[in-house]
Amino acid sequence: MSNLRKLKQSVDKFRSIGIAHDLTAKERQDIKNMVEEAKCEHVANNADEPENYRFLVVGTGTRRRVIKIRKSN
């Protein structure tokens, strides 16, 4: 991961490749649950459809939280 910056500086063939840390099955399930919970909360509190937003989990460990970003048309 420390040499990840070299990938962006390489030839055009490799510039579109992304690398991320692996997650355990439990972490992936926790993230799915957090996103679903945020979508349900959005539906309960707002009249706008959740399909108009992108829900992302940011942070690490116990500091994870879900942010909501409006999709562009």
N, C-alpha and C. Protein backbone atom coordinates (compact mmCIF):
# COMPACT_ATOMS: atom_id res chain seq x y z
N MET A 1 0.83 -1.19 0.00
CA MET A 1 0.00 0.00 0.00
C MET A 1 0.87 1.26 0.00
N SER A 2 2.09 1.16 0.50
CA SER A 2 2.94 2.35 0.53
C SER A 2 3.40 2.74 -0.86
N ASN A 3 3.41 1.82 -1.81
CA ASN A 3 3.82 2.11 -3.18
C ASN A 3 2.64 2.37 -4.10
N LEU A 4 1.47 2.57 -3.55
CA LEU A 4 0.28 2.76 -4.34
C LEU A 4 0.37 4.00 -5.23
N ARG A 5 1.04 5.02 -4.78
CA ARG A 5 1.18 6.25 -5.57
C ARG A 5 1.91 6.00 -6.89
N LYS A 6 2.76 5.00 -6.92
CA LYS A 6 3.49 4.68 -8.14
C LYS A 6 2.56 4.16 -9.22
N LEU A 7 1.46 3.54 -8.83
CA LEU A 7 0.50 3.02 -9.79
C LEU A 7 -0.15 4.15 -10.58
N LYS A 8 -0.45 5.26 -9.91
CA LYS A 8 -1.07 6.41 -10.58
C LYS A 8 -0.09 7.12 -11.51
N GLN A 9 1.19 6.98 -11.27
CA GLN A 9 2.20 7.63 -12.09
C GLN A 9 2.69 6.74 -13.22
N SER A 10 2.12 5.55 -13.35
CA SER A 10 2.57 4.60 -14.36
C SER A 10 1.94 4.91 -15.72
N VAL A 11 2.11 4.01 -16.64
CA VAL A 11 1.56 4.19 -17.99
C VAL A 11 0.04 4.21 -17.95
N ASP A 12 -0.57 4.70 -19.02
CA ASP A 12 -2.03 4.85 -19.08
C ASP A 12 -2.77 3.54 -18.83
N LYS A 13 -2.16 2.45 -19.17
CA LYS A 13 -2.79 1.14 -19.02
C LYS A 13 -3.20 0.85 -17.58
N PHE A 14 -2.45 1.35 -16.60
CA PHE A 14 -2.69 1.03 -15.20
C PHE A 14 -3.30 2.18 -14.40
N ARG A 15 -3.59 3.32 -14.99
CA ARG A 15 -4.10 4.47 -14.23
C ARG A 15 -5.51 4.28 -13.72
N SER A 16 -6.29 3.45 -14.35
CA SER A 16 -7.69 3.27 -13.93
C SER A 16 -7.86 2.17 -12.90
N ILE A 17 -6.78 1.54 -12.47
CA ILE A 17 -6.85 0.47 -11.48
C ILE A 17 -6.91 1.06 -10.07
N GLY A 18 -7.77 0.50 -9.25
CA GLY A 18 -7.87 0.93 -7.86
C GLY A 18 -7.58 -0.23 -6.93
N ILE A 19 -7.00 0.07 -5.79
CA ILE A 19 -6.67 -0.95 -4.80
C ILE A 19 -7.19 -0.48 -3.44
N ALA A 20 -7.79 -1.40 -2.70
CA ALA A 20 -8.32 -1.08 -1.38
C ALA A 20 -7.95 -2.21 -0.42
N HIS A 21 -8.00 -1.91 0.86
CA HIS A 21 -7.74 -2.92 1.88
C HIS A 21 -8.84 -3.97 1.86
N ASP A 22 -8.48 -5.22 2.17
CA ASP A 22 -9.46 -6.29 2.26
C ASP A 22 -10.32 -6.11 3.50
N LEU A 23 -11.57 -6.54 3.40
CA LEU A 23 -12.48 -6.53 4.53
C LEU A 23 -12.89 -7.96 4.84
N THR A 24 -13.10 -8.22 6.11
CA THR A 24 -13.59 -9.54 6.49
C THR A 24 -15.07 -9.64 6.14
N ALA A 25 -15.59 -10.84 6.17
CA ALA A 25 -17.01 -11.04 5.86
C ALA A 25 -17.89 -10.28 6.84
N LYS A 26 -17.50 -10.25 8.10
CA LYS A 26 -18.27 -9.53 9.12
C LYS A 26 -18.25 -8.03 8.86
N GLU A 27 -17.11 -7.49 8.46
CA GLU A 27 -17.01 -6.05 8.16
C GLU A 27 -17.88 -5.69 6.96
N ARG A 28 -17.87 -6.53 5.92
CA ARG A 28 -18.71 -6.28 4.75
C ARG A 28 -20.19 -6.30 5.13
N GLN A 29 -20.58 -7.26 5.97
CA GLN A 29 -21.97 -7.35 6.41
C GLN A 29 -22.35 -6.14 7.27
N ASP A 30 -21.45 -5.70 8.13
CA ASP A 30 -21.71 -4.52 8.96
C ASP A 30 -21.93 -3.28 8.09
N ILE A 31 -21.12 -3.15 7.03
CA ILE A 31 -21.26 -2.00 6.13
C ILE A 31 -22.60 -2.06 5.40
N LYS A 32 -22.99 -3.25 4.93
CA LYS A 32 -24.29 -3.40 4.27
C LYS A 32 -25.42 -3.02 5.21
N ASN A 33 -25.33 -3.47 6.47
CA ASN A 33 -26.36 -3.15 7.45
C ASN A 33 -26.42 -1.65 7.72
N MET A 34 -25.27 -0.99 7.80
CA MET A 34 -25.24 0.44 8.04
C MET A 34 -25.89 1.22 6.90
N VAL A 35 -25.63 0.79 5.67
CA VAL A 35 -26.21 1.46 4.50
C VAL A 35 -27.72 1.25 4.47
N GLU A 36 -28.17 0.03 4.70
CA GLU A 36 -29.61 -0.26 4.71
C GLU A 36 -30.32 0.53 5.79
N GLU A 37 -29.71 0.62 6.96
CA GLU A 37 -30.29 1.40 8.06
C GLU A 37 -30.39 2.87 7.69
N ALA A 38 -29.36 3.40 7.04
CA ALA A 38 -29.37 4.81 6.62
C ALA A 38 -30.45 5.05 5.56
N LYS A 39 -30.63 4.09 4.66
CA LYS A 39 -31.68 4.23 3.64
C LYS A 39 -33.07 4.23 4.29
N CYS A 40 -33.28 3.34 5.24
CA CYS A 40 -34.57 3.27 5.93
C CYS A 40 -34.84 4.56 6.70
N GLU A 41 -33.82 5.08 7.35
CA GLU A 41 -33.95 6.33 8.08
C GLU A 41 -34.25 7.49 7.13
N HIS A 42 -33.63 7.47 5.96
CA HIS A 42 -33.87 8.51 4.95
C HIS A 42 -35.32 8.48 4.49
N VAL A 43 -35.85 7.29 4.23
CA VAL A 43 -37.23 7.14 3.78
C VAL A 43 -38.19 7.64 4.85
N ALA A 44 -37.89 7.35 6.11
CA ALA A 44 -38.77 7.76 7.20
C ALA A 44 -38.78 9.27 7.42
N ASN A 45 -37.65 9.93 7.14
CA ASN A 45 -37.53 11.36 7.45
C ASN A 45 -37.69 12.29 6.25
N ASN A 46 -37.55 11.78 5.02
CA ASN A 46 -37.57 12.64 3.84
C ASN A 46 -38.57 12.12 2.82
N ALA A 47 -39.10 13.03 2.02
CA ALA A 47 -40.03 12.65 0.96
C ALA A 47 -39.28 12.26 -0.31
N ASP A 48 -38.01 12.63 -0.41
CA ASP A 48 -37.21 12.34 -1.60
C ASP A 48 -36.84 10.86 -1.65
N GLU A 49 -36.78 10.31 -2.85
CA GLU A 49 -36.47 8.89 -3.03
C GLU A 49 -35.01 8.59 -2.72
N PRO A 50 -34.72 7.44 -2.08
CA PRO A 50 -33.32 7.09 -1.78
C PRO A 50 -32.50 6.78 -3.03
N GLU A 51 -33.17 6.50 -4.16
CA GLU A 51 -32.45 6.23 -5.40
C GLU A 51 -31.74 7.46 -5.93
N ASN A 52 -32.14 8.65 -5.44
CA ASN A 52 -31.51 9.89 -5.86
C ASN A 52 -30.22 10.18 -5.09
N TYR A 53 -29.87 9.30 -4.15
CA TYR A 53 -28.71 9.51 -3.31
C TYR A 53 -27.79 8.30 -3.37
N ARG A 54 -26.54 8.54 -3.05
CA ARG A 54 -25.56 7.46 -2.91
C ARG A 54 -25.13 7.44 -1.44
N PHE A 55 -25.25 6.30 -0.82
CA PHE A 55 -24.91 6.15 0.59
C PHE A 55 -23.54 5.49 0.69
N LEU A 56 -22.59 6.16 1.34
CA LEU A 56 -21.22 5.66 1.47
C LEU A 56 -20.84 5.55 2.93
N VAL A 57 -20.08 4.53 3.25
CA VAL A 57 -19.54 4.37 4.60
C VAL A 57 -18.12 4.90 4.58
N VAL A 58 -17.83 5.84 5.47
CA VAL A 58 -16.50 6.43 5.57
C VAL A 58 -15.96 6.20 6.98
N GLY A 59 -14.66 6.26 7.11
CA GLY A 59 -14.02 6.06 8.40
C GLY A 59 -13.58 4.62 8.57
N THR A 60 -12.91 4.38 9.68
CA THR A 60 -12.40 3.03 9.95
C THR A 60 -12.77 2.63 11.37
N GLY A 61 -12.83 1.33 11.58
CA GLY A 61 -13.07 0.80 12.92
C GLY A 61 -14.38 1.27 13.51
N THR A 62 -14.30 1.75 14.74
CA THR A 62 -15.50 2.21 15.44
C THR A 62 -15.92 3.61 15.01
N ARG A 63 -15.11 4.26 14.18
CA ARG A 63 -15.43 5.62 13.74
C ARG A 63 -16.14 5.64 12.39
N ARG A 64 -16.65 4.50 11.95
CA ARG A 64 -17.37 4.44 10.68
C ARG A 64 -18.69 5.17 10.80
N ARG A 65 -19.07 5.82 9.68
CA ARG A 65 -20.37 6.48 9.62
C ARG A 65 -20.81 6.50 8.16
N VAL A 66 -22.09 6.71 7.96
CA VAL A 66 -22.65 6.73 6.61
C VAL A 66 -22.89 8.18 6.21
N ILE A 67 -22.44 8.51 4.99
CA ILE A 67 -22.72 9.83 4.45
C ILE A 67 -23.64 9.66 3.25
N LYS A 68 -24.39 10.71 2.96
CA LYS A 68 -25.36 10.68 1.87
C LYS A 68 -24.97 11.74 0.86
N ILE A 69 -24.82 11.32 -0.41
CA ILE A 69 -24.42 12.22 -1.47
C ILE A 69 -25.48 12.18 -2.55
N ARG A 70 -25.95 13.36 -2.96
CA ARG A 70 -26.96 13.43 -4.02
C ARG A 70 -26.34 13.06 -5.36
N LYS A 71 -27.01 12.18 -6.10
CA LYS A 71 -26.52 11.78 -7.42
C LYS A 71 -26.80 12.92 -8.40
N SER A 72 -25.86 13.13 -9.31
CA SER A 72 -26.05 14.17 -10.32
C SER A 72 -26.88 13.61 -11.47
N ASN A 73 -27.63 14.47 -12.10
CA ASN A 73 -28.52 14.03 -13.21
C ASN A 73 -27.77 13.97 -14.49
